């Protein structure tokens, strides 16, 4: 077994403070400090040094983190190999994801798993206030479905993402594309674009409109800015709302138009119209499934990945 104090050190390296590490691991700050002191004493090396009111890892600790990452990778691979000897797939699988991912693929995939693997308990969480990659790293989640963004949830992770949200390399995670979701314009029922609900409009035609920054600013606002820049204009953002019911109300009352993901719910009572976009490049959101590297071959996670892909395939057939 791997010394669990190495995991504490890894999480501290990721989050930067003892307090944040304690919260992520459901420990007290004093327990985190004690574990690291014990690990330092066992190795005969200083692992932490003062940095203002916080601490930072010493060069020796940074070297140890690299070895710990390799150890945890091998441990996950070993668990995957040993799982093949188990009698069926059982245990607990924790999935975290953004709300629209739960609607589109996670809930259908979990229902499929419930039928196929009755001994596997699947737990689903939206975790809107959490960094989902940190949930994976700390072991509080086994699989995450996220929308990667250039200014993305984790400083280290964001450095490994291209503009436009394509996942590249983070040696700690395996990331696989799951679903591509088109974007629509959300306009009032009496808007000039409402007559184009069948044939669609080009985004460049909306250059003179007032806009509502709609949805999660961590990904949706960046997508709006990028899409409009490619269409040749900067959107005049006048209002903003995260909840899609609030967005629909603002649109319906003439405060602006919005870029809306195809999977985002729109309240029926509001007189708004979805208008598909046409032309290239079309703005899309990309859902990515991520797991800790080394776990991807463990039977529960491999089956969950397959179920997610199947649910995504059903969505693609329906045009999302």
Foldseek 3Di string as FASTA:
>chain_A
DDDCLLLLLLLCQQPVALCVSCVLQVHHSVVNVVSQVVVCVVVVHDQWDDDPPGIDGDPVSVVSNVVVLVVVLVVLLVLQVVLVVDDADADEAEEEEAPLLCVQFVVQLVVVCCVVGVRYHYHYYPPPVDDVVSCQSSVVHFKYKYFAACVGDGPVQNVQADHLRDGHDDPFKDKDWAAKWFKWKKAACPDPCVVQQPVFEAPLVCQPWEEEQEADCNHRVSLVQVSVVVSPHGHHYDHYDHQQAVVLVCRLVPVTMYIGTPSHDYDVVRRMGTGGHDDPPTRITIIMMMGTNSNCSRVVNVSSSVSSNVSNVVCVVVVD
